[in-house]
Every structure is written in structure tokens, then in C-alpha cells.
Amino acid sequence: MSFGPMTGLFMHETCSFETIFLVSLFSGTLGFLMACIIKSPSRPPVAREPISLDRFVLIKGIPAGISLLLLSIPYGMTSTYIAVYAQEIGITLSSGLFFTFLAIGMAVSRLFSGKQVDKGRITQVIRIGMYLVCVCYFLLAACDLLIRWNHELTTVLFFTIALLLGTGFGTMFPAFNSLFINLAPNSKRGTATSTYLTSWDVGIGIGLTAGG
């Protein structure tokens, strides 16, 4: 989620669009080929329940899904338009560094969030990450005003926000995933994962469209 946008922004500053699209095509093809060589053991067929809404969406997970959807809307806006925002407010350093610090924050968050989730503090971890992300987005919006006061300090703040955003989202992602799994019985873990990913993807799509 961070390495791809970071690489794309760095390439945008040094490469032509033809090169960027060729690298994207090669990367996607390589990923497809690697997915094709994955072999999973076959399992005996099991009796299927009648088709119902609960087969596609985890009913118990709808409130958590709405929460995750609302959180992914600003993530979709940020990952798509942060380079435009940085250019408009006057950040002169490469916007690819934003995703570099975002990735570092996500990596750092794994050092402590997973242990807390394993101890059963799922909602507490989500709440802490949510508070951190909300504060970061208010600060990110304030950069437009702060840069008129002090350019260097605002530049430092801009990339510090990226680090903290990565920490916040990296804290919440595994906690949300565990929350959905815990809400589902063993026979509906696939539905739980589907609800988690669908909420995330729909939120990112809304953020991309609304931001555009």
C-alpha cells in the first residue's frame, strides 16, 4: 500500500509515462504468474447452506465495516492526491518520500500492535489508531496555512504526519482483521475476510472519486 505509490511517484519524476506503464505491466504480469504457481491442497466438498445475505456479508461485522469504510475514504484521497496537494501548497521535496515515511510507520506499528491484539485488546488498539489518524488529517489540512508561516517547519511536519499516519493505519489494519475474524464462526471466516476487504476497497473507491 505504500511501496507502490512511492515507487510510482519517484518514477514520475525521472521516467516517461511509457516507461511507467511498461514497468506496471511487467509487475502485474509477474504477480499474475506467481499467483498461478501457488498450489493449495484440495478439500472434500461440504454441504452448502442456502444462499442468503450472510453468505456474502458478515451481518455482525456491518458496524465494523462501516467504520473501516469511513476510515478508508481519507486514505484513498491521500494515496491518490497527496502529490497534487504537496505541489499546490509548495512542498518542494519529492512526494515519494511521503509514502516512504508512511511505509516506515506501518513497519514500526507492527512491533507493538500485533502483541496487543494477541492479548485481546482489539477495540482499544483500533481506538488508539483512529485517534492518531484523525489528528494527523487535521494537521495535514493545516499544512496549507502553516507553510505560509514557516516553510521548513511545515515540510518537516508534512513528512512527520506521513510517519504517524503509517503508524495509525498499521495499528488499525491487523486489529480490524482480527475483529472481523472473531465476529464470525469458523464456517464463515471467508465471509468475514470478504467483508473486511470489501469495506476497505469501497471506502478507497469513494475517496478516490470524491477527491477527484
C-alpha atoms as a PDB file:
ATOM      1  CA  MET A   1       0.000   0.000   0.000  1.00  0.00           C
ATOM      2  CA  SER A   2       2.981   2.303   0.393  1.00  0.00           C
ATOM      3  CA  PHE A   3       5.779   0.844  -1.715  1.00  0.00           C
ATOM      4  CA  GLY A   4       3.783   1.000  -4.971  1.00  0.00           C
ATOM      5  CA  PRO A   5       2.730   4.683  -4.749  1.00  0.00           C
ATOM      6  CA  MET A   6       6.214   5.602  -3.503  1.00  0.00           C
ATOM      7  CA  THR A   7       7.868   3.901  -6.476  1.00  0.00           C
ATOM      8  CA  GLY A   8       5.371   5.427  -8.909  1.00  0.00           C
ATOM      9  CA  LEU A   9       5.984   8.966  -7.667  1.00  0.00           C
ATOM     10  CA  PHE A  10       9.756   8.564  -7.819  1.00  0.00           C
ATOM     11  CA  MET A  11       9.468   7.202 -11.376  1.00  0.00           C
ATOM     12  CA  HIS A  12       7.145  10.052 -12.360  1.00  0.00           C
ATOM     13  CA  GLU A  13       9.959  12.496 -11.609  1.00  0.00           C
ATOM     14  CA  THR A  14      12.610  10.638 -13.616  1.00  0.00           C
ATOM     15  CA  CYS A  15      10.899   8.434 -16.234  1.00  0.00           C
ATOM     16  CA  SER A  16       8.483   8.831 -19.115  1.00  0.00           C
ATOM     17  CA  PHE A  17       4.891   7.625 -18.902  1.00  0.00           C
ATOM     18  CA  GLU A  18       5.711   4.872 -21.401  1.00  0.00           C
ATOM     19  CA  THR A  19       8.351   3.520 -19.013  1.00  0.00           C
ATOM     20  CA  ILE A  20       5.991   3.752 -16.044  1.00  0.00           C
ATOM     21  CA  PHE A  21       3.254   1.844 -17.866  1.00  0.00           C
ATOM     22  CA  LEU A  22       5.703  -0.815 -19.069  1.00  0.00           C
ATOM     23  CA  VAL A  23       7.015  -1.336 -15.542  1.00  0.00           C
ATOM     24  CA  SER A  24       3.423  -1.543 -14.269  1.00  0.00           C
ATOM     25  CA  LEU A  25       2.550  -4.098 -16.944  1.00  0.00           C
ATOM     26  CA  PHE A  26       5.627  -6.166 -16.130  1.00  0.00           C
ATOM     27  CA  SER A  27       4.934  -6.008 -12.388  1.00  0.00           C
ATOM     28  CA  GLY A  28       1.283  -7.014 -12.821  1.00  0.00           C
ATOM     29  CA  THR A  29       2.195  -9.874 -15.163  1.00  0.00           C
ATOM     30  CA  LEU A  30       4.854 -11.125 -12.757  1.00  0.00           C
ATOM     31  CA  GLY A  31       2.356 -11.033  -9.903  1.00  0.00           C
ATOM     32  CA  PHE A  32      -0.173 -12.972 -12.007  1.00  0.00           C
ATOM     33  CA  LEU A  33       2.400 -15.639 -12.877  1.00  0.00           C
ATOM     34  CA  MET A  34       3.442 -16.019  -9.260  1.00  0.00           C
ATOM     35  CA  ALA A  35      -0.218 -16.384  -8.246  1.00  0.00           C
ATOM     36  CA  CYS A  36      -0.638 -19.127 -10.877  1.00  0.00           C
ATOM     37  CA  ILE A  37       2.107 -21.282  -9.377  1.00  0.00           C
ATOM     38  CA  ILE A  38       0.515 -21.313  -5.928  1.00  0.00           C
ATOM     39  CA  LYS A  39      -0.922 -24.751  -5.218  1.00  0.00           C
ATOM     40  CA  SER A  40      -3.364 -25.317  -2.396  1.00  0.00           C
ATOM     41  CA  PRO A  41      -4.421 -28.774  -1.176  1.00  0.00           C
ATOM     42  CA  SER A  42      -7.819 -29.916  -2.392  1.00  0.00           C
ATOM     43  CA  ARG A  43     -10.518 -30.316   0.217  1.00  0.00           C
ATOM     44  CA  PRO A  44     -13.548 -32.576   0.154  1.00  0.00           C
ATOM     45  CA  PRO A  45     -16.800 -30.806  -0.717  1.00  0.00           C
ATOM     46  CA  VAL A  46     -19.000 -29.743   2.175  1.00  0.00           C
ATOM     47  CA  ALA A  47     -22.722 -29.162   2.354  1.00  0.00           C
ATOM     48  CA  ARG A  48     -23.603 -25.596   1.457  1.00  0.00           C
ATOM     49  CA  GLU A  49     -26.166 -23.521   3.278  1.00  0.00           C
ATOM     50  CA  PRO A  50     -29.000 -21.876   1.319  1.00  0.00           C
ATOM     51  CA  ILE A  51     -27.985 -18.629  -0.355  1.00  0.00           C
ATOM     52  CA  SER A  52     -28.550 -15.696   1.975  1.00  0.00           C
ATOM     53  CA  LEU A  53     -27.141 -12.251   2.633  1.00  0.00           C
ATOM     54  CA  ASP A  54     -24.940 -13.724   5.370  1.00  0.00           C
ATOM     55  CA  ARG A  55     -23.110 -15.759   2.718  1.00  0.00           C
ATOM     56  CA  PHE A  56     -21.717 -12.551   1.193  1.00  0.00           C
ATOM     57  CA  VAL A  57     -21.638 -10.060   4.077  1.00  0.00           C
ATOM     58  CA  LEU A  58     -20.958 -10.792   7.718  1.00  0.00           C
ATOM     59  CA  ILE A  59     -24.053  -9.345   9.374  1.00  0.00           C
ATOM     60  CA  LYS A  60     -22.356  -8.963  12.756  1.00  0.00           C
ATOM     61  CA  GLY A  61     -19.491  -7.155  11.072  1.00  0.00           C
ATOM     62  CA  ILE A  62     -21.559  -4.436   9.371  1.00  0.00           C
ATOM     63  CA  PRO A  63     -20.920  -1.761  12.071  1.00  0.00           C
ATOM     64  CA  ALA A  64     -17.187  -2.513  11.957  1.00  0.00           C
ATOM     65  CA  GLY A  65     -17.356  -2.499   8.158  1.00  0.00           C
ATOM     66  CA  ILE A  66     -18.927   0.961   8.120  1.00  0.00           C
ATOM     67  CA  SER A  67     -16.238   2.217  10.492  1.00  0.00           C
ATOM     68  CA  LEU A  68     -13.465   0.792   8.297  1.00  0.00           C
ATOM     69  CA  LEU A  69     -15.139   2.181   5.159  1.00  0.00           C
ATOM     70  CA  LEU A  70     -15.230   5.692   6.614  1.00  0.00           C
ATOM     71  CA  LEU A  71     -11.569   5.437   7.610  1.00  0.00           C
ATOM     72  CA  SER A  72     -10.502   4.224   4.178  1.00  0.00           C
ATOM     73  CA  ILE A  73     -12.112   7.202   2.403  1.00  0.00           C
ATOM     74  CA  PRO A  74      -9.403   9.668   3.537  1.00  0.00           C
ATOM     75  CA  TYR A  75      -6.749   7.007   2.888  1.00  0.00           C
ATOM     76  CA  GLY A  76      -7.946   6.736  -0.709  1.00  0.00           C
ATOM     77  CA  MET A  77      -7.838  10.511  -1.086  1.00  0.00           C
ATOM     78  CA  THR A  78      -4.369  10.739   0.433  1.00  0.00           C
ATOM     79  CA  SER A  79      -2.772   7.921  -1.549  1.00  0.00           C
ATOM     80  CA  THR A  80      -4.133   9.315  -4.808  1.00  0.00           C
ATOM     81  CA  TYR A  81      -3.859  13.082  -4.454  1.00  0.00           C
ATOM     82  CA  ILE A  82      -1.133  13.748  -1.874  1.00  0.00           C
ATOM     83  CA  ALA A  83       1.366  14.605  -4.633  1.00  0.00           C
ATOM     84  CA  VAL A  84      -1.016  17.217  -6.046  1.00  0.00           C
ATOM     85  CA  TYR A  85      -1.651  18.655  -2.582  1.00  0.00           C
ATOM     86  CA  ALA A  86       2.069  18.869  -1.795  1.00  0.00           C
ATOM     87  CA  GLN A  87       2.740  20.652  -5.081  1.00  0.00           C
ATOM     88  CA  GLU A  88      -0.083  23.132  -4.591  1.00  0.00           C
ATOM     89  CA  ILE A  89       0.926  24.165  -1.072  1.00  0.00           C
ATOM     90  CA  GLY A  90       4.613  24.456  -2.022  1.00  0.00           C
ATOM     91  CA  ILE A  91       6.335  21.325  -0.683  1.00  0.00           C
ATOM     92  CA  THR A  92       9.446  21.096  -2.864  1.00  0.00           C
ATOM     93  CA  LEU A  93      10.789  17.716  -1.726  1.00  0.00           C
ATOM     94  CA  SER A  94       9.690  14.584  -3.599  1.00  0.00           C
ATOM     95  CA  SER A  95       6.203  13.422  -2.656  1.00  0.00           C
ATOM     96  CA  GLY A  96       7.508   9.875  -2.891  1.00  0.00           C
ATOM     97  CA  LEU A  97       9.118  10.476   0.492  1.00  0.00           C
ATOM     98  CA  PHE A  98       5.616  10.767   1.946  1.00  0.00           C
ATOM     99  CA  PHE A  99       4.981   7.103   1.128  1.00  0.00           C
ATOM    100  CA  THR A 100       8.469   6.180   2.311  1.00  0.00           C
ATOM    101  CA  PHE A 101       7.663   7.531   5.773  1.00  0.00           C
ATOM    102  CA  LEU A 102       4.177   6.004   5.553  1.00  0.00           C
ATOM    103  CA  ALA A 103       5.752   2.583   4.980  1.00  0.00           C
ATOM    104  CA  ILE A 104       8.192   3.124   7.861  1.00  0.00           C
ATOM    105  CA  GLY A 105       5.294   3.997  10.147  1.00  0.00           C
ATOM    106  CA  MET A 106       3.415   0.850   9.152  1.00  0.00           C
ATOM    107  CA  ALA A 107       6.503  -1.275   9.778  1.00  0.00           C
ATOM    108  CA  VAL A 108       7.090   0.306  13.192  1.00  0.00           C
ATOM    109  CA  SER A 109       3.451  -0.195  14.204  1.00  0.00           C
ATOM    110  CA  ARG A 110       3.782  -3.951  13.680  1.00  0.00           C
ATOM    111  CA  LEU A 111       6.290  -4.083  16.547  1.00  0.00           C
ATOM    112  CA  PHE A 112       3.626  -3.399  19.159  1.00  0.00           C
ATOM    113  CA  SER A 113       0.130  -3.580  17.633  1.00  0.00           C
ATOM    114  CA  GLY A 114       0.229  -7.310  16.923  1.00  0.00           C
ATOM    115  CA  LYS A 115       1.186  -8.127  20.507  1.00  0.00           C
ATOM    116  CA  GLN A 116      -1.664  -6.015  21.855  1.00  0.00           C
ATOM    117  CA  VAL A 117      -4.154  -7.669  19.500  1.00  0.00           C
ATOM    118  CA  ASP A 118      -2.941 -11.104  20.620  1.00  0.00           C
ATOM    119  CA  LYS A 119      -3.699 -10.057  24.187  1.00  0.00           C
ATOM    120  CA  GLY A 120      -7.315  -9.351  23.217  1.00  0.00           C
ATOM    121  CA  ARG A 121      -7.107  -5.556  23.188  1.00  0.00           C
ATOM    122  CA  ILE A 122      -8.601  -5.294  19.712  1.00  0.00           C
ATOM    123  CA  THR A 123     -11.028  -2.407  20.177  1.00  0.00           C
ATOM    124  CA  GLN A 124      -8.509  -0.483  22.282  1.00  0.00           C
ATOM    125  CA  VAL A 125      -5.909  -0.771  19.528  1.00  0.00           C
ATOM    126  CA  ILE A 126      -8.434   0.358  16.892  1.00  0.00           C
ATOM    127  CA  ARG A 127      -9.439   3.312  19.040  1.00  0.00           C
ATOM    128  CA  ILE A 128      -5.848   4.480  19.554  1.00  0.00           C
ATOM    129  CA  GLY A 129      -5.082   4.185  15.847  1.00  0.00           C
ATOM    130  CA  MET A 130      -8.273   6.033  14.967  1.00  0.00           C
ATOM    131  CA  TYR A 131      -7.448   8.955  17.283  1.00  0.00           C
ATOM    132  CA  LEU A 132      -3.942   9.207  15.819  1.00  0.00           C
ATOM    133  CA  VAL A 133      -5.187   9.152  12.217  1.00  0.00           C
ATOM    134  CA  CYS A 134      -7.858  11.798  12.875  1.00  0.00           C
ATOM    135  CA  VAL A 135      -5.321  14.166  14.449  1.00  0.00           C
ATOM    136  CA  CYS A 136      -2.947  13.595  11.525  1.00  0.00           C
ATOM    137  CA  TYR A 137      -5.570  14.537   8.940  1.00  0.00           C
ATOM    138  CA  PHE A 138      -6.399  17.770  10.757  1.00  0.00           C
ATOM    139  CA  LEU A 139      -2.668  18.600  10.796  1.00  0.00           C
ATOM    140  CA  LEU A 140      -2.346  17.651   7.128  1.00  0.00           C
ATOM    141  CA  ALA A 141      -5.129  20.066   6.227  1.00  0.00           C
ATOM    142  CA  ALA A 142      -3.469  22.759   8.361  1.00  0.00           C
ATOM    143  CA  CYS A 143      -0.216  22.481   6.362  1.00  0.00           C
ATOM    144  CA  ASP A 144      -1.775  24.764   3.732  1.00  0.00           C
ATOM    145  CA  LEU A 145      -1.862  27.591   6.301  1.00  0.00           C
ATOM    146  CA  LEU A 146       1.270  26.718   8.265  1.00  0.00           C
ATOM    147  CA  ILE A 147       3.534  26.742   5.217  1.00  0.00           C
ATOM    148  CA  ARG A 148       2.871  30.466   4.788  1.00  0.00           C
ATOM    149  CA  TRP A 149       4.284  30.993   8.269  1.00  0.00           C
ATOM    150  CA  ASN A 150       7.315  28.664   8.135  1.00  0.00           C
ATOM    151  CA  HIS A 151       8.184  26.611   5.058  1.00  0.00           C
ATOM    152  CA  GLU A 152      10.920  24.446   6.594  1.00  0.00           C
ATOM    153  CA  LEU A 153       8.954  23.574   9.736  1.00  0.00           C
ATOM    154  CA  THR A 154       5.857  22.709   7.698  1.00  0.00           C
ATOM    155  CA  THR A 155       7.906  20.446   5.421  1.00  0.00           C
ATOM    156  CA  VAL A 156       9.173  18.557   8.466  1.00  0.00           C
ATOM    157  CA  LEU A 157       5.610  18.377   9.815  1.00  0.00           C
ATOM    158  CA  PHE A 158       4.326  17.123   6.458  1.00  0.00           C
ATOM    159  CA  PHE A 159       6.605  14.077   6.471  1.00  0.00           C
ATOM    160  CA  THR A 160       6.144  13.541  10.212  1.00  0.00           C
ATOM    161  CA  ILE A 161       2.419  13.286   9.525  1.00  0.00           C
ATOM    162  CA  ALA A 162       3.170  10.585   6.953  1.00  0.00           C
ATOM    163  CA  LEU A 163       5.103   8.624   9.572  1.00  0.00           C
ATOM    164  CA  LEU A 164       2.282   8.954  12.106  1.00  0.00           C
ATOM    165  CA  LEU A 165      -0.378   8.094   9.523  1.00  0.00           C
ATOM    166  CA  GLY A 166       1.516   4.907   8.708  1.00  0.00           C
ATOM    167  CA  THR A 167       1.676   4.103  12.398  1.00  0.00           C
ATOM    168  CA  GLY A 168      -2.048   4.737  12.848  1.00  0.00           C
ATOM    169  CA  PHE A 169      -3.214   2.756   9.834  1.00  0.00           C
ATOM    170  CA  GLY A 170      -0.674  -0.001  10.505  1.00  0.00           C
ATOM    171  CA  THR A 171      -2.047  -0.267  14.023  1.00  0.00           C
ATOM    172  CA  MET A 172      -5.672  -0.499  12.908  1.00  0.00           C
ATOM    173  CA  PHE A 173      -5.378  -2.873   9.923  1.00  0.00           C
ATOM    174  CA  PRO A 174      -4.472  -6.087  11.781  1.00  0.00           C
ATOM    175  CA  ALA A 175      -6.830  -5.169  14.618  1.00  0.00           C
ATOM    176  CA  PHE A 176      -9.772  -4.738  12.222  1.00  0.00           C
ATOM    177  CA  ASN A 177      -8.890  -8.008  10.503  1.00  0.00           C
ATOM    178  CA  SER A 178      -8.850  -9.837  13.841  1.00  0.00           C
ATOM    179  CA  LEU A 179     -12.119  -8.164  14.822  1.00  0.00           C
ATOM    180  CA  PHE A 180     -13.910  -9.451  11.720  1.00  0.00           C
ATOM    181  CA  ILE A 181     -12.490 -12.954  12.184  1.00  0.00           C
ATOM    182  CA  ASN A 182     -13.541 -13.042  15.841  1.00  0.00           C
ATOM    183  CA  LEU A 183     -17.087 -11.980  14.960  1.00  0.00           C
ATOM    184  CA  ALA A 184     -17.523 -14.925  12.598  1.00  0.00           C
ATOM    185  CA  PRO A 185     -17.858 -18.663  13.297  1.00  0.00           C
ATOM    186  CA  ASN A 186     -15.254 -20.954  11.764  1.00  0.00           C
ATOM    187  CA  SER A 187     -17.529 -21.717   8.807  1.00  0.00           C
ATOM    188  CA  LYS A 188     -17.781 -18.020   7.855  1.00  0.00           C
ATOM    189  CA  ARG A 189     -14.187 -16.837   8.101  1.00  0.00           C
ATOM    190  CA  GLY A 190     -14.110 -16.352   4.347  1.00  0.00           C
ATOM    191  CA  THR A 191     -17.192 -14.144   4.598  1.00  0.00           C
ATOM    192  CA  ALA A 192     -15.551 -12.178   7.409  1.00  0.00           C
ATOM    193  CA  THR A 193     -12.413 -11.567   5.359  1.00  0.00           C
ATOM    194  CA  SER A 194     -14.542 -10.630   2.345  1.00  0.00           C
ATOM    195  CA  THR A 195     -16.486  -8.085   4.415  1.00  0.00           C
ATOM    196  CA  TYR A 196     -13.229  -6.598   5.699  1.00  0.00           C
ATOM    197  CA  LEU A 197     -11.684  -6.257   2.243  1.00  0.00           C
ATOM    198  CA  THR A 198     -14.900  -5.045   0.610  1.00  0.00           C
ATOM    199  CA  SER A 199     -15.318  -2.273   3.188  1.00  0.00           C
ATOM    200  CA  TRP A 200     -11.724  -1.224   2.633  1.00  0.00           C
ATOM    201  CA  ASP A 201     -11.951  -1.240  -1.172  1.00  0.00           C
ATOM    202  CA  VAL A 202     -15.303   0.576  -1.329  1.00  0.00           C
ATOM    203  CA  GLY A 203     -14.002   3.276   1.006  1.00  0.00           C
ATOM    204  CA  ILE A 204     -10.872   3.783  -1.096  1.00  0.00           C
ATOM    205  CA  GLY A 205     -13.025   3.990  -4.250  1.00  0.00           C
ATOM    206  CA  ILE A 206     -15.282   6.606  -2.663  1.00  0.00           C
ATOM    207  CA  GLY A 207     -12.264   8.605  -1.524  1.00  0.00           C
ATOM    208  CA  LEU A 208     -10.667   8.474  -4.966  1.00  0.00           C
ATOM    209  CA  THR A 209     -13.882   9.560  -6.690  1.00  0.00           C
ATOM    210  CA  ALA A 210     -14.821  12.248  -4.173  1.00  0.00           C
ATOM    211  CA  GLY A 211     -11.303  13.638  -4.108  1.00  0.00           C
ATOM    212  CA  GLY A 212     -11.224  13.843  -7.890  1.00  0.00           C
END
